[in-house]
Amino acid sequence: MDVEMIKLVVPILISLIVSNIYSVISNQNSSFKKSLLYATFLNIAILISGSMWFWITVTDGLAQITQAAIYGISFIVILVTNFIVITKRKRK
């Protein structure tokens, strides 16, 4: 696997794992809205820091634009995943 691809995918996976774990843990103690809001902020923080890291280390302009689009799509997918995780845990 290419080094730039690893730099692109690692923050997405970290954001997915961390925000889902946080969703499950905070869902037991907090309301639905609060859990989803904090998981979304966590998701945004991780993806923005990953985006800044990628923009600093990769100098190709097309790769940077593609990375921004991929991170935007990843944000929406992770948000939907968090929503599903929280609603499934609330029903139990």
PDB file of N, CA and C in Angstrom:
ATOM      1  N   MET A   1       0.837  -1.170   0.000  1.00  0.00           N
ATOM      2  CA  MET A   1       0.000   0.000   0.000  1.00  0.00           C
ATOM      3  C   MET A   1       0.890   1.244   0.000  1.00  0.00           C
ATOM      4  N   ASP A   2       0.495   2.233  -0.736  1.00  0.00           N
ATOM      5  CA  ASP A   2       1.251   3.458  -0.870  1.00  0.00           C
ATOM      6  C   ASP A   2       1.223   4.268   0.429  1.00  0.00           C
ATOM      7  N   VAL A   3       2.286   5.003   0.684  1.00  0.00           N
ATOM      8  CA  VAL A   3       2.400   5.778   1.925  1.00  0.00           C
ATOM      9  C   VAL A   3       1.323   6.872   1.980  1.00  0.00           C
ATOM     10  N   GLU A   4       1.047   7.536   0.839  1.00  0.00           N
ATOM     11  CA  GLU A   4       0.019   8.569   0.839  1.00  0.00           C
ATOM     12  C   GLU A   4      -1.362   7.994   1.124  1.00  0.00           C
ATOM     13  N   MET A   5      -1.606   6.777   0.650  1.00  0.00           N
ATOM     14  CA  MET A   5      -2.890   6.133   0.904  1.00  0.00           C
ATOM     15  C   MET A   5      -3.044   5.820   2.389  1.00  0.00           C
ATOM     16  N   ILE A   6      -1.958   5.390   3.008  1.00  0.00           N
ATOM     17  CA  ILE A   6      -1.998   5.121   4.448  1.00  0.00           C
ATOM     18  C   ILE A   6      -2.250   6.419   5.214  1.00  0.00           C
ATOM     19  N   LYS A   7      -1.594   7.512   4.791  1.00  0.00           N
ATOM     20  CA  LYS A   7      -1.809   8.812   5.432  1.00  0.00           C
ATOM     21  C   LYS A   7      -3.254   9.274   5.281  1.00  0.00           C
ATOM     22  N   LEU A   8      -3.895   8.872   4.215  1.00  0.00           N
ATOM     23  CA  LEU A   8      -5.276   9.263   3.960  1.00  0.00           C
ATOM     24  C   LEU A   8      -6.259   8.435   4.769  1.00  0.00           C
ATOM     25  N   VAL A   9      -6.015   7.134   4.869  1.00  0.00           N
ATOM     26  CA  VAL A   9      -6.984   6.211   5.457  1.00  0.00           C
ATOM     27  C   VAL A   9      -6.901   6.147   6.983  1.00  0.00           C
ATOM     28  N   VAL A  10      -5.722   6.291   7.547  1.00  0.00           N
ATOM     29  CA  VAL A  10      -5.550   6.130   8.996  1.00  0.00           C
ATOM     30  C   VAL A  10      -6.417   7.097   9.813  1.00  0.00           C
ATOM     31  N   PRO A  11      -6.449   8.404   9.507  1.00  0.00           N
ATOM     32  CA  PRO A  11      -7.338   9.284  10.296  1.00  0.00           C
ATOM     33  C   PRO A  11      -8.822   8.938  10.162  1.00  0.00           C
ATOM     34  N   ILE A  12      -9.223   8.442   9.012  1.00  0.00           N
ATOM     35  CA  ILE A  12     -10.617   8.045   8.829  1.00  0.00           C
ATOM     36  C   ILE A  12     -10.948   6.861   9.724  1.00  0.00           C
ATOM     37  N   LEU A  13     -10.080   5.880   9.750  1.00  0.00           N
ATOM     38  CA  LEU A  13     -10.309   4.708  10.606  1.00  0.00           C
ATOM     39  C   LEU A  13     -10.266   5.078  12.087  1.00  0.00           C
ATOM     40  N   ILE A  14      -9.332   5.932  12.461  1.00  0.00           N
ATOM     41  CA  ILE A  14      -9.253   6.368  13.858  1.00  0.00           C
ATOM     42  C   ILE A  14     -10.522   7.109  14.246  1.00  0.00           C
ATOM     43  N   SER A  15     -10.992   7.989  13.365  1.00  0.00           N
ATOM     44  CA  SER A  15     -12.217   8.738  13.648  1.00  0.00           C
ATOM     45  C   SER A  15     -13.415   7.810  13.778  1.00  0.00           C
ATOM     46  N   LEU A  16     -13.511   6.836  12.904  1.00  0.00           N
ATOM     47  CA  LEU A  16     -14.619   5.881  12.958  1.00  0.00           C
ATOM     48  C   LEU A  16     -14.605   5.090  14.255  1.00  0.00           C
ATOM     49  N   ILE A  17     -13.469   4.558  14.614  1.00  0.00           N
ATOM     50  CA  ILE A  17     -13.367   3.717  15.806  1.00  0.00           C
ATOM     51  C   ILE A  17     -13.591   4.534  17.084  1.00  0.00           C
ATOM     52  N   VAL A  18     -12.905   5.670  17.193  1.00  0.00           N
ATOM     53  CA  VAL A  18     -12.988   6.471  18.416  1.00  0.00           C
ATOM     54  C   VAL A  18     -14.394   7.044  18.612  1.00  0.00           C
ATOM     55  N   SER A  19     -14.988   7.573  17.548  1.00  0.00           N
ATOM     56  CA  SER A  19     -16.316   8.170  17.711  1.00  0.00           C
ATOM     57  C   SER A  19     -17.387   7.117  17.978  1.00  0.00           C
ATOM     58  N   ASN A  20     -17.242   5.927  17.407  1.00  0.00           N
ATOM     59  CA  ASN A  20     -18.206   4.866  17.708  1.00  0.00           C
ATOM     60  C   ASN A  20     -18.056   4.362  19.134  1.00  0.00           C
ATOM     61  N   ILE A  21     -16.830   4.207  19.602  1.00  0.00           N
ATOM     62  CA  ILE A  21     -16.614   3.793  20.990  1.00  0.00           C
ATOM     63  C   ILE A  21     -17.164   4.858  21.937  1.00  0.00           C
ATOM     64  N   TYR A  22     -16.905   6.124  21.632  1.00  0.00           N
ATOM     65  CA  TYR A  22     -17.429   7.199  22.467  1.00  0.00           C
ATOM     66  C   TYR A  22     -18.953   7.222  22.440  1.00  0.00           C
ATOM     67  N   SER A  23     -19.538   6.957  21.279  1.00  0.00           N
ATOM     68  CA  SER A  23     -21.004   6.923  21.177  1.00  0.00           C
ATOM     69  C   SER A  23     -21.598   5.863  22.085  1.00  0.00           C
ATOM     70  N   VAL A  24     -21.006   4.697  22.090  1.00  0.00           N
ATOM     71  CA  VAL A  24     -21.512   3.600  22.916  1.00  0.00           C
ATOM     72  C   VAL A  24     -21.361   3.925  24.387  1.00  0.00           C
ATOM     73  N   ILE A  25     -20.206   4.450  24.767  1.00  0.00           N
ATOM     74  CA  ILE A  25     -19.961   4.745  26.177  1.00  0.00           C
ATOM     75  C   ILE A  25     -20.836   5.898  26.672  1.00  0.00           C
ATOM     76  N   SER A  26     -20.904   6.979  25.892  1.00  0.00           N
ATOM     77  CA  SER A  26     -21.683   8.139  26.352  1.00  0.00           C
ATOM     78  C   SER A  26     -23.179   7.908  26.241  1.00  0.00           C
ATOM     79  N   ASN A  27     -23.582   6.983  25.420  1.00  0.00           N
ATOM     80  CA  ASN A  27     -25.000   6.688  25.251  1.00  0.00           C
ATOM     81  C   ASN A  27     -25.601   6.091  26.517  1.00  0.00           C
ATOM     82  N   GLN A  28     -24.789   5.430  27.311  1.00  0.00           N
ATOM     83  CA  GLN A  28     -25.278   4.828  28.542  1.00  0.00           C
ATOM     84  C   GLN A  28     -25.570   5.883  29.604  1.00  0.00           C
ATOM     85  N   ASN A  29     -24.861   7.016  29.554  1.00  0.00           N
ATOM     86  CA  ASN A  29     -24.980   8.027  30.595  1.00  0.00           C
ATOM     87  C   ASN A  29     -25.667   9.310  30.145  1.00  0.00           C
ATOM     88  N   SER A  30     -25.749   9.551  28.842  1.00  0.00           N
ATOM     89  CA  SER A  30     -26.250  10.820  28.338  1.00  0.00           C
ATOM     90  C   SER A  30     -27.481  10.624  27.466  1.00  0.00           C
ATOM     91  N   SER A  31     -28.063  11.735  27.069  1.00  0.00           N
ATOM     92  CA  SER A  31     -29.207  11.680  26.169  1.00  0.00           C
ATOM     93  C   SER A  31     -28.740  11.412  24.740  1.00  0.00           C
ATOM     94  N   PHE A  32     -29.699  11.127  23.887  1.00  0.00           N
ATOM     95  CA  PHE A  32     -29.414  10.828  22.488  1.00  0.00           C
ATOM     96  C   PHE A  32     -28.730  12.012  21.800  1.00  0.00           C
ATOM     97  N   LYS A  33     -29.282  13.190  21.965  1.00  0.00           N
ATOM     98  CA  LYS A  33     -28.739  14.373  21.294  1.00  0.00           C
ATOM     99  C   LYS A  33     -27.333  14.706  21.764  1.00  0.00           C
ATOM    100  N   LYS A  34     -27.129  14.612  23.061  1.00  0.00           N
ATOM    101  CA  LYS A  34     -25.821  14.932  23.623  1.00  0.00           C
ATOM    102  C   LYS A  34     -24.765  13.929  23.155  1.00  0.00           C
ATOM    103  N   SER A  35     -25.111  12.662  23.125  1.00  0.00           N
ATOM    104  CA  SER A  35     -24.181  11.639  22.661  1.00  0.00           C
ATOM    105  C   SER A  35     -23.810  11.848  21.198  1.00  0.00           C
ATOM    106  N   LEU A  36     -24.810  12.124  20.373  1.00  0.00           N
ATOM    107  CA  LEU A  36     -24.569  12.330  18.951  1.00  0.00           C
ATOM    108  C   LEU A  36     -23.768  13.612  18.721  1.00  0.00           C
ATOM    109  N   LEU A  37     -24.057  14.658  19.471  1.00  0.00           N
ATOM    110  CA  LEU A  37     -23.345  15.922  19.318  1.00  0.00           C
ATOM    111  C   LEU A  37     -21.870  15.773  19.671  1.00  0.00           C
ATOM    112  N   TYR A  38     -21.571  15.149  20.794  1.00  0.00           N
ATOM    113  CA  TYR A  38     -20.180  14.978  21.197  1.00  0.00           C
ATOM    114  C   TYR A  38     -19.432  14.040  20.262  1.00  0.00           C
ATOM    115  N   ALA A  39     -20.083  12.992  19.799  1.00  0.00           N
ATOM    116  CA  ALA A  39     -19.437  12.094  18.839  1.00  0.00           C
ATOM    117  C   ALA A  39     -19.157  12.814  17.522  1.00  0.00           C
ATOM    118  N   THR A  40     -20.058  13.707  17.129  1.00  0.00           N
ATOM    119  CA  THR A  40     -19.844  14.483  15.904  1.00  0.00           C
ATOM    120  C   THR A  40     -18.682  15.450  16.066  1.00  0.00           C
ATOM    121  N   PHE A  41     -18.594  16.128  17.203  1.00  0.00           N
ATOM    122  CA  PHE A  41     -17.466  17.025  17.454  1.00  0.00           C
ATOM    123  C   PHE A  41     -16.146  16.260  17.480  1.00  0.00           C
ATOM    124  N   LEU A  42     -16.159  15.088  18.069  1.00  0.00           N
ATOM    125  CA  LEU A  42     -14.960  14.252  18.091  1.00  0.00           C
ATOM    126  C   LEU A  42     -14.571  13.839  16.676  1.00  0.00           C
ATOM    127  N   ASN A  43     -15.542  13.469  15.880  1.00  0.00           N
ATOM    128  CA  ASN A  43     -15.326  13.098  14.489  1.00  0.00           C
ATOM    129  C   ASN A  43     -14.724  14.271  13.711  1.00  0.00           C
ATOM    130  N   ILE A  44     -15.283  15.460  13.887  1.00  0.00           N
ATOM    131  CA  ILE A  44     -14.780  16.649  13.199  1.00  0.00           C
ATOM    132  C   ILE A  44     -13.343  16.950  13.613  1.00  0.00           C
ATOM    133  N   ALA A  45     -13.054  16.879  14.899  1.00  0.00           N
ATOM    134  CA  ALA A  45     -11.710  17.191  15.396  1.00  0.00           C
ATOM    135  C   ALA A  45     -10.669  16.238  14.821  1.00  0.00           C
ATOM    136  N   ILE A  46     -10.978  14.960  14.799  1.00  0.00           N
ATOM    137  CA  ILE A  46     -10.017  13.979  14.285  1.00  0.00           C
ATOM    138  C   ILE A  46      -9.828  14.151  12.782  1.00  0.00           C
ATOM    139  N   LEU A  47     -10.908  14.351  12.041  1.00  0.00           N
ATOM    140  CA  LEU A  47     -10.780  14.515  10.597  1.00  0.00           C
ATOM    141  C   LEU A  47     -10.078  15.825  10.227  1.00  0.00           C
ATOM    142  N   ILE A  48     -10.302  16.885  10.975  1.00  0.00           N
ATOM    143  CA  ILE A  48      -9.602  18.142  10.684  1.00  0.00           C
ATOM    144  C   ILE A  48      -8.111  18.014  10.974  1.00  0.00           C
ATOM    145  N   SER A  49      -7.765  17.375  12.086  1.00  0.00           N
ATOM    146  CA  SER A  49      -6.342  17.193  12.378  1.00  0.00           C
ATOM    147  C   SER A  49      -5.691  16.267  11.349  1.00  0.00           C
ATOM    148  N   GLY A  50      -6.401  15.231  10.915  1.00  0.00           N
ATOM    149  CA  GLY A  50      -5.879  14.364   9.854  1.00  0.00           C
ATOM    150  C   GLY A  50      -5.746  15.100   8.542  1.00  0.00           C
ATOM    151  N   SER A  51      -6.682  15.984   8.263  1.00  0.00           N
ATOM    152  CA  SER A  51      -6.631  16.777   7.035  1.00  0.00           C
ATOM    153  C   SER A  51      -5.442  17.737   7.054  1.00  0.00           C
ATOM    154  N   MET A  52      -5.222  18.374   8.190  1.00  0.00           N
ATOM    155  CA  MET A  52      -4.074  19.280   8.303  1.00  0.00           C
ATOM    156  C   MET A  52      -2.770  18.511   8.150  1.00  0.00           C
ATOM    157  N   TRP A  53      -2.691  17.335   8.754  1.00  0.00           N
ATOM    158  CA  TRP A  53      -1.489  16.508   8.648  1.00  0.00           C
ATOM    159  C   TRP A  53      -1.257  16.103   7.195  1.00  0.00           C
ATOM    160  N   PHE A  54      -2.304  15.722   6.491  1.00  0.00           N
ATOM    161  CA  PHE A  54      -2.178  15.312   5.101  1.00  0.00           C
ATOM    162  C   PHE A  54      -1.765  16.492   4.224  1.00  0.00           C
ATOM    163  N   TRP A  55      -2.346  17.667   4.459  1.00  0.00           N
ATOM    164  CA  TRP A  55      -2.017  18.836   3.652  1.00  0.00           C
ATOM    165  C   TRP A  55      -0.574  19.277   3.858  1.00  0.00           C
ATOM    166  N   ILE A  56      -0.044  19.080   5.051  1.00  0.00           N
ATOM    167  CA  ILE A  56       1.343  19.462   5.325  1.00  0.00           C
ATOM    168  C   ILE A  56       2.321  18.470   4.706  1.00  0.00           C
ATOM    169  N   THR A  57       2.010  17.195   4.772  1.00  0.00           N
ATOM    170  CA  THR A  57       2.970  16.175   4.329  1.00  0.00           C
ATOM    171  C   THR A  57       2.891  15.853   2.845  1.00  0.00           C
ATOM    172  N   VAL A  58       1.766  16.085   2.188  1.00  0.00           N
ATOM    173  CA  VAL A  58       1.622  15.785   0.765  1.00  0.00           C
ATOM    174  C   VAL A  58       1.566  17.100   0.005  1.00  0.00           C
ATOM    175  N   THR A  59       2.417  17.234  -0.997  1.00  0.00           N
ATOM    176  CA  THR A  59       2.510  18.496  -1.719  1.00  0.00           C
ATOM    177  C   THR A  59       1.719  18.515  -3.026  1.00  0.00           C
ATOM    178  N   ASP A  60       1.172  17.405  -3.444  1.00  0.00           N
ATOM    179  CA  ASP A  60       0.406  17.327  -4.680  1.00  0.00           C
ATOM    180  C   ASP A  60      -0.966  17.971  -4.491  1.00  0.00           C
ATOM    181  N   GLY A  61      -1.276  18.971  -5.292  1.00  0.00           N
ATOM    182  CA  GLY A  61      -2.527  19.713  -5.149  1.00  0.00           C
ATOM    183  C   GLY A  61      -3.753  18.871  -5.441  1.00  0.00           C
ATOM    184  N   LEU A  62      -3.678  18.010  -6.448  1.00  0.00           N
ATOM    185  CA  LEU A  62      -4.818  17.162  -6.783  1.00  0.00           C
ATOM    186  C   LEU A  62      -5.106  16.160  -5.662  1.00  0.00           C
ATOM    187  N   ALA A  63      -4.054  15.641  -5.060  1.00  0.00           N
ATOM    188  CA  ALA A  63      -4.235  14.715  -3.931  1.00  0.00           C
ATOM    189  C   ALA A  63      -4.883  15.420  -2.753  1.00  0.00           C
ATOM    190  N   GLN A  64      -4.533  16.671  -2.520  1.00  0.00           N
ATOM    191  CA  GLN A  64      -5.113  17.424  -1.422  1.00  0.00           C
ATOM    192  C   GLN A  64      -6.596  17.703  -1.649  1.00  0.00           C
ATOM    193  N   ILE A  65      -6.967  18.027  -2.875  1.00  0.00           N
ATOM    194  CA  ILE A  65      -8.376  18.271  -3.189  1.00  0.00           C
ATOM    195  C   ILE A  65      -9.177  16.980  -3.086  1.00  0.00           C
ATOM    196  N   THR A  66      -8.618  15.894  -3.596  1.00  0.00           N
ATOM    197  CA  THR A  66      -9.281  14.596  -3.499  1.00  0.00           C
ATOM    198  C   THR A  66      -9.435  14.179  -2.048  1.00  0.00           C
ATOM    199  N   GLN A  67      -8.422  14.446  -1.240  1.00  0.00           N
ATOM    200  CA  GLN A  67      -8.471  14.112   0.186  1.00  0.00           C
ATOM    201  C   GLN A  67      -9.580  14.878   0.883  1.00  0.00           C
ATOM    202  N   ALA A  68      -9.771  16.138   0.536  1.00  0.00           N
ATOM    203  CA  ALA A  68     -10.837  16.928   1.155  1.00  0.00           C
ATOM    204  C   ALA A  68     -12.204  16.340   0.820  1.00  0.00           C
ATOM    205  N   ALA A  69     -12.382  15.912  -0.416  1.00  0.00           N
ATOM    206  CA  ALA A  69     -13.654  15.299  -0.813  1.00  0.00           C
ATOM    207  C   ALA A  69     -13.865  13.968  -0.101  1.00  0.00           C
ATOM    208  N   ILE A  70     -12.829  13.168   0.004  1.00  0.00           N
ATOM    209  CA  ILE A  70     -12.929  11.867   0.682  1.00  0.00           C
ATOM    210  C   ILE A  70     -13.243  12.063   2.161  1.00  0.00           C
ATOM    211  N   TYR A  71     -12.624  13.054   2.794  1.00  0.00           N
ATOM    212  CA  TYR A  71     -12.890  13.312   4.210  1.00  0.00           C
ATOM    213  C   TYR A  71     -14.306  13.824   4.417  1.00  0.00           C
ATOM    214  N   GLY A  72     -14.822  14.611   3.476  1.00  0.00           N
ATOM    215  CA  GLY A  72     -16.199  15.072   3.574  1.00  0.00           C
ATOM    216  C   GLY A  72     -17.189  13.921   3.501  1.00  0.00           C
ATOM    217  N   ILE A  73     -16.964  13.014   2.570  1.00  0.00           N
ATOM    218  CA  ILE A  73     -17.820  11.828   2.449  1.00  0.00           C
ATOM    219  C   ILE A  73     -17.669  10.942   3.681  1.00  0.00           C
ATOM    220  N   SER A  74     -16.441  10.802   4.164  1.00  0.00           N
ATOM    221  CA  SER A  74     -16.191   9.987   5.360  1.00  0.00           C
ATOM    222  C   SER A  74     -16.888  10.571   6.579  1.00  0.00           C
ATOM    223  N   PHE A  75     -16.911  11.889   6.692  1.00  0.00           N
ATOM    224  CA  PHE A  75     -17.598  12.533   7.811  1.00  0.00           C
ATOM    225  C   PHE A  75     -19.078  12.154   7.815  1.00  0.00           C
ATOM    226  N   ILE A  76     -19.705  12.209   6.665  1.00  0.00           N
ATOM    227  CA  ILE A  76     -21.131  11.880   6.571  1.00  0.00           C
ATOM    228  C   ILE A  76     -21.365  10.404   6.888  1.00  0.00           C
ATOM    229  N   VAL A  77     -20.521   9.524   6.369  1.00  0.00           N
ATOM    230  CA  VAL A  77     -20.678   8.089   6.619  1.00  0.00           C
ATOM    231  C   VAL A  77     -20.486   7.783   8.106  1.00  0.00           C
ATOM    232  N   ILE A  78     -19.492   8.394   8.735  1.00  0.00           N
ATOM    233  CA  ILE A  78     -19.243   8.162  10.162  1.00  0.00           C
ATOM    234  C   ILE A  78     -20.381   8.739  10.997  1.00  0.00           C
ATOM    235  N   LEU A  79     -20.923   9.876  10.591  1.00  0.00           N
ATOM    236  CA  LEU A  79     -22.063  10.465  11.295  1.00  0.00           C
ATOM    237  C   LEU A  79     -23.274   9.544  11.239  1.00  0.00           C
ATOM    238  N   VAL A  80     -23.547   8.978  10.086  1.00  0.00           N
ATOM    239  CA  VAL A  80     -24.661   8.035   9.952  1.00  0.00           C
ATOM    240  C   VAL A  80     -24.406   6.778  10.783  1.00  0.00           C
ATOM    241  N   THR A  81     -23.166   6.313  10.784  1.00  0.00           N
ATOM    242  CA  THR A  81     -22.808   5.143  11.593  1.00  0.00           C
ATOM    243  C   THR A  81     -23.018   5.422  13.074  1.00  0.00           C
ATOM    244  N   ASN A  82     -22.602   6.592  13.541  1.00  0.00           N
ATOM    245  CA  ASN A  82     -22.823   6.968  14.946  1.00  0.00           C
ATOM    246  C   ASN A  82     -24.308   7.029  15.261  1.00  0.00           C
ATOM    247  N   PHE A  83     -25.090   7.590  14.364  1.00  0.00           N
ATOM    248  CA  PHE A  83     -26.532   7.673  14.559  1.00  0.00           C
ATOM    249  C   PHE A  83     -27.141   6.284  14.702  1.00  0.00           C
ATOM    250  N   ILE A  84     -26.713   5.360  13.851  1.00  0.00           N
ATOM    251  CA  ILE A  84     -27.230   3.987  13.907  1.00  0.00           C
ATOM    252  C   ILE A  84     -26.805   3.308  15.203  1.00  0.00           C
ATOM    253  N   VAL A  85     -25.550   3.490  15.592  1.00  0.00           N
ATOM    254  CA  VAL A  85     -25.055   2.866  16.826  1.00  0.00           C
ATOM    255  C   VAL A  85     -25.824   3.390  18.033  1.00  0.00           C
ATOM    256  N   ILE A  86     -26.052   4.697  18.090  1.00  0.00           N
ATOM    257  CA  ILE A  86     -26.743   5.278  19.241  1.00  0.00           C
ATOM    258  C   ILE A  86     -28.200   4.835  19.284  1.00  0.00           C
ATOM    259  N   THR A  87     -28.886   4.819  18.145  1.00  0.00           N
ATOM    260  CA  THR A  87     -30.287   4.419  18.153  1.00  0.00           C
ATOM    261  C   THR A  87     -30.435   2.934  18.467  1.00  0.00           C
ATOM    262  N   LYS A  88     -29.531   2.106  18.008  1.00  0.00           N
ATOM    263  CA  LYS A  88     -29.604   0.670  18.340  1.00  0.00           C
ATOM    264  C   LYS A  88     -29.382   0.443  19.830  1.00  0.00           C
ATOM    265  N   ARG A  89     -28.454   1.206  20.416  1.00  0.00           N
ATOM    266  CA  ARG A  89     -28.178   1.037  21.842  1.00  0.00           C
ATOM    267  C   ARG A  89     -29.313   1.593  22.700  1.00  0.00           C
ATOM    268  N   LYS A  90     -30.011   2.615  22.239  1.00  0.00           N
ATOM    269  CA  LYS A  90     -31.132   3.168  23.007  1.00  0.00           C
ATOM    270  C   LYS A  90     -32.329   2.232  23.046  1.00  0.00           C
ATOM    271  N   ARG A  91     -32.511   1.446  22.018  1.00  0.00           N
ATOM    272  CA  ARG A  91     -33.657   0.537  21.955  1.00  0.00           C
ATOM    273  C   ARG A  91     -33.521  -0.631  22.928  1.00  0.00           C
ATOM    274  N   LYS A  92     -32.285  -0.986  23.255  1.00  0.00           N
ATOM    275  CA  LYS A  92     -32.077  -2.141  24.141  1.00  0.00           C
ATOM    276  C   LYS A  92     -32.367  -1.819  25.553  1.00  0.00           C
TER     277      LYS A  92
END
